[in-house]
């Protein structure tokens, strides 16, 4: 089912991602400071595609499952 992530702006989401997702930092560990800054800027530019009149709405889906023993 759809579970879009809503925030005021793409920059707000990027701040959240930078603070929350350690895997992103691990993937960039081998980059220089300049390369890392360039990468974050590119990510933010791409995230702006999801900004509109309602702010940032990032697509997200979740799978809901139920089991009975």
PDB file of N, CA and C in Angstrom:
ATOM      1  N   UNK A   1       0.836  -1.163   0.000  1.00  0.00           N
ATOM      2  CA  UNK A   1       0.000   0.000   0.000  1.00  0.00           C
ATOM      3  C   UNK A   1       0.893   1.242   0.000  1.00  0.00           C
ATOM      4  N   UNK A   2       0.394   2.302  -0.549  1.00  0.00           N
ATOM      5  CA  UNK A   2       1.155   3.546  -0.610  1.00  0.00           C
ATOM      6  C   UNK A   2       1.292   4.184   0.758  1.00  0.00           C
ATOM      7  N   UNK A   3       2.475   4.686   1.035  1.00  0.00           N
ATOM      8  CA  UNK A   3       2.743   5.379   2.295  1.00  0.00           C
ATOM      9  C   UNK A   3       3.714   6.521   2.009  1.00  0.00           C
ATOM     10  N   UNK A   4       3.262   7.520   1.239  1.00  0.00           N
ATOM     11  CA  UNK A   4       4.177   8.592   0.847  1.00  0.00           C
ATOM     12  C   UNK A   4       4.742   9.338   2.051  1.00  0.00           C
ATOM     13  N   UNK A   5       6.010   9.723   1.924  1.00  0.00           N
ATOM     14  CA  UNK A   5       6.673  10.487   2.962  1.00  0.00           C
ATOM     15  C   UNK A   5       6.490  11.956   2.642  1.00  0.00           C
ATOM     16  N   UNK A   6       5.910  12.704   3.551  1.00  0.00           N
ATOM     17  CA  UNK A   6       5.612  14.123   3.324  1.00  0.00           C
ATOM     18  C   UNK A   6       6.456  14.995   4.246  1.00  0.00           C
ATOM     19  N   UNK A   7       7.075  15.996   3.648  1.00  0.00           N
ATOM     20  CA  UNK A   7       7.865  16.981   4.398  1.00  0.00           C
ATOM     21  C   UNK A   7       7.697  18.319   3.696  1.00  0.00           C
ATOM     22  N   UNK A   8       8.037  19.404   4.377  1.00  0.00           N
ATOM     23  CA  UNK A   8       7.856  20.722   3.755  1.00  0.00           C
ATOM     24  C   UNK A   8       8.661  20.897   2.462  1.00  0.00           C
ATOM     25  N   UNK A   9       9.922  20.406   2.437  1.00  0.00           N
ATOM     26  CA  UNK A   9      10.770  20.579   1.258  1.00  0.00           C
ATOM     27  C   UNK A   9      11.687  19.372   1.093  1.00  0.00           C
ATOM     28  N   UNK A  10      12.284  19.272  -0.079  1.00  0.00           N
ATOM     29  CA  UNK A  10      13.279  18.231  -0.334  1.00  0.00           C
ATOM     30  C   UNK A  10      14.479  18.419   0.591  1.00  0.00           C
ATOM     31  N   UNK A  11      14.843  19.678   0.864  1.00  0.00           N
ATOM     32  CA  UNK A  11      15.966  19.945   1.765  1.00  0.00           C
ATOM     33  C   UNK A  11      15.684  19.393   3.167  1.00  0.00           C
ATOM     34  N   UNK A  12      14.433  19.473   3.611  1.00  0.00           N
ATOM     35  CA  UNK A  12      14.065  18.913   4.914  1.00  0.00           C
ATOM     36  C   UNK A  12      14.236  17.399   4.903  1.00  0.00           C
ATOM     37  N   UNK A  13      13.812  16.754   3.814  1.00  0.00           N
ATOM     38  CA  UNK A  13      13.979  15.305   3.724  1.00  0.00           C
ATOM     39  C   UNK A  13      15.458  14.947   3.700  1.00  0.00           C
ATOM     40  N   UNK A  14      16.255  15.702   2.939  1.00  0.00           N
ATOM     41  CA  UNK A  14      17.679  15.419   2.862  1.00  0.00           C
ATOM     42  C   UNK A  14      18.329  15.530   4.241  1.00  0.00           C
ATOM     43  N   UNK A  15      17.962  16.531   5.013  1.00  0.00           N
ATOM     44  CA  UNK A  15      18.479  16.683   6.378  1.00  0.00           C
ATOM     45  C   UNK A  15      18.114  15.456   7.208  1.00  0.00           C
ATOM     46  N   UNK A  16      16.869  15.022   7.104  1.00  0.00           N
ATOM     47  CA  UNK A  16      16.405  13.820   7.807  1.00  0.00           C
ATOM     48  C   UNK A  16      17.224  12.603   7.378  1.00  0.00           C
ATOM     49  N   UNK A  17      17.426  12.435   6.070  1.00  0.00           N
ATOM     50  CA  UNK A  17      18.171  11.287   5.558  1.00  0.00           C
ATOM     51  C   UNK A  17      19.620  11.306   6.038  1.00  0.00           C
ATOM     52  N   UNK A  18      20.240  12.470   6.011  1.00  0.00           N
ATOM     53  CA  UNK A  18      21.634  12.584   6.442  1.00  0.00           C
ATOM     54  C   UNK A  18      21.792  12.229   7.912  1.00  0.00           C
ATOM     55  N   UNK A  19      20.781  12.552   8.720  1.00  0.00           N
ATOM     56  CA  UNK A  19      20.849  12.278  10.152  1.00  0.00           C
ATOM     57  C   UNK A  19      20.430  10.857  10.510  1.00  0.00           C
ATOM     58  N   UNK A  20      19.673  10.206   9.632  1.00  0.00           N
ATOM     59  CA  UNK A  20      19.049   8.936   9.991  1.00  0.00           C
ATOM     60  C   UNK A  20      19.619   7.696   9.313  1.00  0.00           C
ATOM     61  N   UNK A  21      20.159   7.842   8.126  1.00  0.00           N
ATOM     62  CA  UNK A  21      20.511   6.664   7.343  1.00  0.00           C
ATOM     63  C   UNK A  21      22.016   6.455   7.294  1.00  0.00           C
ATOM     64  N   UNK A  22      22.524   5.689   8.238  1.00  0.00           N
ATOM     65  CA  UNK A  22      23.952   5.410   8.316  1.00  0.00           C
ATOM     66  C   UNK A  22      24.497   4.736   7.081  1.00  0.00           C
ATOM     67  N   UNK A  23      23.666   3.968   6.380  1.00  0.00           N
ATOM     68  CA  UNK A  23      24.128   3.273   5.175  1.00  0.00           C
ATOM     69  C   UNK A  23      24.581   4.266   4.109  1.00  0.00           C
ATOM     70  N   UNK A  24      23.924   5.418   4.024  1.00  0.00           N
ATOM     71  CA  UNK A  24      24.351   6.436   3.060  1.00  0.00           C
ATOM     72  C   UNK A  24      25.760   6.907   3.376  1.00  0.00           C
ATOM     73  N   UNK A  25      26.044   7.102   4.634  1.00  0.00           N
ATOM     74  CA  UNK A  25      27.374   7.551   5.043  1.00  0.00           C
ATOM     75  C   UNK A  25      28.421   6.467   4.769  1.00  0.00           C
ATOM     76  N   UNK A  26      28.061   5.222   4.971  1.00  0.00           N
ATOM     77  CA  UNK A  26      28.984   4.123   4.691  1.00  0.00           C
ATOM     78  C   UNK A  26      29.298   4.046   3.196  1.00  0.00           C
ATOM     79  N   UNK A  27      28.287   4.240   2.361  1.00  0.00           N
ATOM     80  CA  UNK A  27      28.504   4.181   0.914  1.00  0.00           C
ATOM     81  C   UNK A  27      29.426   5.299   0.442  1.00  0.00           C
ATOM     82  N   UNK A  28      29.417   6.426   1.151  1.00  0.00           N
ATOM     83  CA  UNK A  28      30.230   7.575   0.745  1.00  0.00           C
ATOM     84  C   UNK A  28      31.552   7.668   1.494  1.00  0.00           C
ATOM     85  N   UNK A  29      31.848   6.697   2.324  1.00  0.00           N
ATOM     86  CA  UNK A  29      33.033   6.760   3.176  1.00  0.00           C
ATOM     87  C   UNK A  29      34.334   6.911   2.383  1.00  0.00           C
ATOM     88  N   UNK A  30      34.405   6.352   1.207  1.00  0.00           N
ATOM     89  CA  UNK A  30      35.625   6.411   0.412  1.00  0.00           C
ATOM     90  C   UNK A  30      35.773   7.674  -0.417  1.00  0.00           C
ATOM     91  N   UNK A  31      34.796   8.562  -0.341  1.00  0.00           N
ATOM     92  CA  UNK A  31      34.837   9.790  -1.133  1.00  0.00           C
ATOM     93  C   UNK A  31      35.581  10.897  -0.385  1.00  0.00           C
ATOM     94  N   UNK A  32      36.160  11.798  -1.141  1.00  0.00           N
ATOM     95  CA  UNK A  32      36.778  12.975  -0.521  1.00  0.00           C
ATOM     96  C   UNK A  32      35.670  13.891  -0.012  1.00  0.00           C
ATOM     97  N   UNK A  33      36.028  14.877   0.786  1.00  0.00           N
ATOM     98  CA  UNK A  33      35.035  15.827   1.289  1.00  0.00           C
ATOM     99  C   UNK A  33      34.330  16.530   0.138  1.00  0.00           C
ATOM    100  N   UNK A  34      35.083  16.905  -0.888  1.00  0.00           N
ATOM    101  CA  UNK A  34      34.496  17.595  -2.043  1.00  0.00           C
ATOM    102  C   UNK A  34      33.551  16.672  -2.807  1.00  0.00           C
ATOM    103  N   UNK A  35      33.951  15.426  -2.988  1.00  0.00           N
ATOM    104  CA  UNK A  35      33.084  14.461  -3.687  1.00  0.00           C
ATOM    105  C   UNK A  35      31.820  14.193  -2.882  1.00  0.00           C
ATOM    106  N   UNK A  36      31.967  14.110  -1.569  1.00  0.00           N
ATOM    107  CA  UNK A  36      30.812  13.869  -0.702  1.00  0.00           C
ATOM    108  C   UNK A  36      29.832  15.039  -0.797  1.00  0.00           C
ATOM    109  N   UNK A  37      30.328  16.261  -0.755  1.00  0.00           N
ATOM    110  CA  UNK A  37      29.472  17.447  -0.861  1.00  0.00           C
ATOM    111  C   UNK A  37      28.771  17.477  -2.223  1.00  0.00           C
ATOM    112  N   UNK A  38      29.495  17.123  -3.263  1.00  0.00           N
ATOM    113  CA  UNK A  38      28.904  17.088  -4.605  1.00  0.00           C
ATOM    114  C   UNK A  38      27.812  16.025  -4.692  1.00  0.00           C
ATOM    115  N   UNK A  39      28.049  14.891  -4.056  1.00  0.00           N
ATOM    116  CA  UNK A  39      27.057  13.808  -4.057  1.00  0.00           C
ATOM    117  C   UNK A  39      25.789  14.233  -3.336  1.00  0.00           C
ATOM    118  N   UNK A  40      25.929  14.851  -2.152  1.00  0.00           N
ATOM    119  CA  UNK A  40      24.745  15.318  -1.423  1.00  0.00           C
ATOM    120  C   UNK A  40      23.980  16.360  -2.225  1.00  0.00           C
ATOM    121  N   UNK A  41      24.701  17.246  -2.915  1.00  0.00           N
ATOM    122  CA  UNK A  41      24.040  18.266  -3.740  1.00  0.00           C
ATOM    123  C   UNK A  41      23.272  17.621  -4.888  1.00  0.00           C
ATOM    124  N   UNK A  42      23.842  16.585  -5.479  1.00  0.00           N
ATOM    125  CA  UNK A  42      23.160  15.884  -6.570  1.00  0.00           C
ATOM    126  C   UNK A  42      21.916  15.162  -6.054  1.00  0.00           C
ATOM    127  N   UNK A  43      22.017  14.549  -4.895  1.00  0.00           N
ATOM    128  CA  UNK A  43      20.863  13.869  -4.294  1.00  0.00           C
ATOM    129  C   UNK A  43      19.745  14.879  -4.050  1.00  0.00           C
ATOM    130  N   UNK A  44      20.096  16.025  -3.471  1.00  0.00           N
ATOM    131  CA  UNK A  44      19.071  17.039  -3.203  1.00  0.00           C
ATOM    132  C   UNK A  44      18.422  17.525  -4.494  1.00  0.00           C
ATOM    133  N   UNK A  45      19.208  17.725  -5.531  1.00  0.00           N
ATOM    134  CA  UNK A  45      18.657  18.174  -6.816  1.00  0.00           C
ATOM    135  C   UNK A  45      17.655  17.162  -7.361  1.00  0.00           C
ATOM    136  N   UNK A  46      17.977  15.878  -7.246  1.00  0.00           N
ATOM    137  CA  UNK A  46      17.060  14.839  -7.728  1.00  0.00           C
ATOM    138  C   UNK A  46      15.804  14.760  -6.858  1.00  0.00           C
ATOM    139  N   UNK A  47      15.951  14.957  -5.565  1.00  0.00           N
ATOM    140  CA  UNK A  47      14.790  14.912  -4.666  1.00  0.00           C
ATOM    141  C   UNK A  47      13.814  16.053  -4.934  1.00  0.00           C
ATOM    142  N   UNK A  48      14.305  17.161  -5.469  1.00  0.00           N
ATOM    143  CA  UNK A  48      13.417  18.293  -5.766  1.00  0.00           C
ATOM    144  C   UNK A  48      12.345  17.930  -6.784  1.00  0.00           C
ATOM    145  N   UNK A  49      12.554  16.857  -7.537  1.00  0.00           N
ATOM    146  CA  UNK A  49      11.520  16.407  -8.495  1.00  0.00           C
ATOM    147  C   UNK A  49      10.223  16.052  -7.777  1.00  0.00           C
ATOM    148  N   UNK A  50      10.323  15.750  -6.493  1.00  0.00           N
ATOM    149  CA  UNK A  50       9.156  15.332  -5.728  1.00  0.00           C
ATOM    150  C   UNK A  50       8.528  16.484  -4.939  1.00  0.00           C
ATOM    151  N   UNK A  51       8.985  17.709  -5.181  1.00  0.00           N
ATOM    152  CA  UNK A  51       8.382  18.877  -4.546  1.00  0.00           C
ATOM    153  C   UNK A  51       7.252  19.403  -5.414  1.00  0.00           C
ATOM    154  N   UNK A  52       6.208  19.830  -4.758  1.00  0.00           N
ATOM    155  CA  UNK A  52       5.067  20.399  -5.462  1.00  0.00           C
ATOM    156  C   UNK A  52       4.317  21.344  -4.550  1.00  0.00           C
ATOM    157  N   UNK A  53       3.096  21.667  -4.920  1.00  0.00           N
ATOM    158  CA  UNK A  53       2.295  22.599  -4.125  1.00  0.00           C
ATOM    159  C   UNK A  53       2.083  22.137  -2.678  1.00  0.00           C
ATOM    160  N   UNK A  54       2.130  20.831  -2.460  1.00  0.00           N
ATOM    161  CA  UNK A  54       1.933  20.282  -1.108  1.00  0.00           C
ATOM    162  C   UNK A  54       3.253  20.031  -0.389  1.00  0.00           C
ATOM    163  N   UNK A  55       4.366  20.529  -0.934  1.00  0.00           N
ATOM    164  CA  UNK A  55       5.678  20.297  -0.349  1.00  0.00           C
ATOM    165  C   UNK A  55       6.331  19.073  -0.957  1.00  0.00           C
ATOM    166  N   UNK A  56       7.202  18.440  -0.212  1.00  0.00           N
ATOM    167  CA  UNK A  56       7.892  17.237  -0.663  1.00  0.00           C
ATOM    168  C   UNK A  56       7.017  16.028  -0.377  1.00  0.00           C
ATOM    169  N   UNK A  57       6.761  15.230  -1.410  1.00  0.00           N
ATOM    170  CA  UNK A  57       5.992  13.993  -1.252  1.00  0.00           C
ATOM    171  C   UNK A  57       6.809  12.886  -1.909  1.00  0.00           C
ATOM    172  N   UNK A  58       7.539  12.151  -1.084  1.00  0.00           N
ATOM    173  CA  UNK A  58       8.381  11.076  -1.589  1.00  0.00           C
ATOM    174  C   UNK A  58       7.592   9.779  -1.702  1.00  0.00           C
ATOM    175  N   UNK A  59       7.709   9.134  -2.861  1.00  0.00           N
ATOM    176  CA  UNK A  59       6.974   7.876  -3.033  1.00  0.00           C
ATOM    177  C   UNK A  59       7.523   6.800  -2.090  1.00  0.00           C
ATOM    178  N   UNK A  60       6.636   6.056  -1.538  1.00  0.00           N
ATOM    179  CA  UNK A  60       7.026   4.969  -0.626  1.00  0.00           C
ATOM    180  C   UNK A  60       5.889   3.958  -0.597  1.00  0.00           C
ATOM    181  N   UNK A  61       6.252   2.706  -0.556  1.00  0.00           N
ATOM    182  CA  UNK A  61       5.254   1.649  -0.445  1.00  0.00           C
ATOM    183  C   UNK A  61       5.640   0.731   0.698  1.00  0.00           C
ATOM    184  N   UNK A  62       4.651   0.175   1.333  1.00  0.00           N
ATOM    185  CA  UNK A  62       4.891  -0.815   2.391  1.00  0.00           C
ATOM    186  C   UNK A  62       4.091  -2.068   2.051  1.00  0.00           C
ATOM    187  N   UNK A  63       4.618  -3.180   2.495  1.00  0.00           N
ATOM    188  CA  UNK A  63       3.913  -4.446   2.326  1.00  0.00           C
ATOM    189  C   UNK A  63       3.406  -4.854   3.705  1.00  0.00           C
ATOM    190  N   UNK A  64       2.119  -5.092   3.789  1.00  0.00           N
ATOM    191  CA  UNK A  64       1.487  -5.469   5.048  1.00  0.00           C
ATOM    192  C   UNK A  64       1.148  -6.950   4.980  1.00  0.00           C
ATOM    193  N   UNK A  65       1.601  -7.683   5.952  1.00  0.00           N
ATOM    194  CA  UNK A  65       1.317  -9.117   5.990  1.00  0.00           C
ATOM    195  C   UNK A  65       0.723  -9.506   7.334  1.00  0.00           C
ATOM    196  N   UNK A  66      -0.067 -10.540   7.316  1.00  0.00           N
ATOM    197  CA  UNK A  66      -0.697 -11.046   8.526  1.00  0.00           C
ATOM    198  C   UNK A  66      -0.531 -12.549   8.546  1.00  0.00           C
ATOM    199  N   UNK A  67      -0.225 -13.074   9.684  1.00  0.00           N
ATOM    200  CA  UNK A  67      -0.090 -14.521   9.814  1.00  0.00           C
ATOM    201  C   UNK A  67      -0.845 -15.025  11.026  1.00  0.00           C
ATOM    202  N   UNK A  68      -1.263 -16.259  10.948  1.00  0.00           N
ATOM    203  CA  UNK A  68      -1.965 -16.899  12.064  1.00  0.00           C
ATOM    204  C   UNK A  68      -1.277 -18.236  12.315  1.00  0.00           C
ATOM    205  N   UNK A  69      -1.009 -18.525  13.579  1.00  0.00           N
ATOM    206  CA  UNK A  69      -0.361 -19.788  13.933  1.00  0.00           C
ATOM    207  C   UNK A  69      -1.386 -20.820  14.314  1.00  0.00           C
TER     208      UNK A  69
END
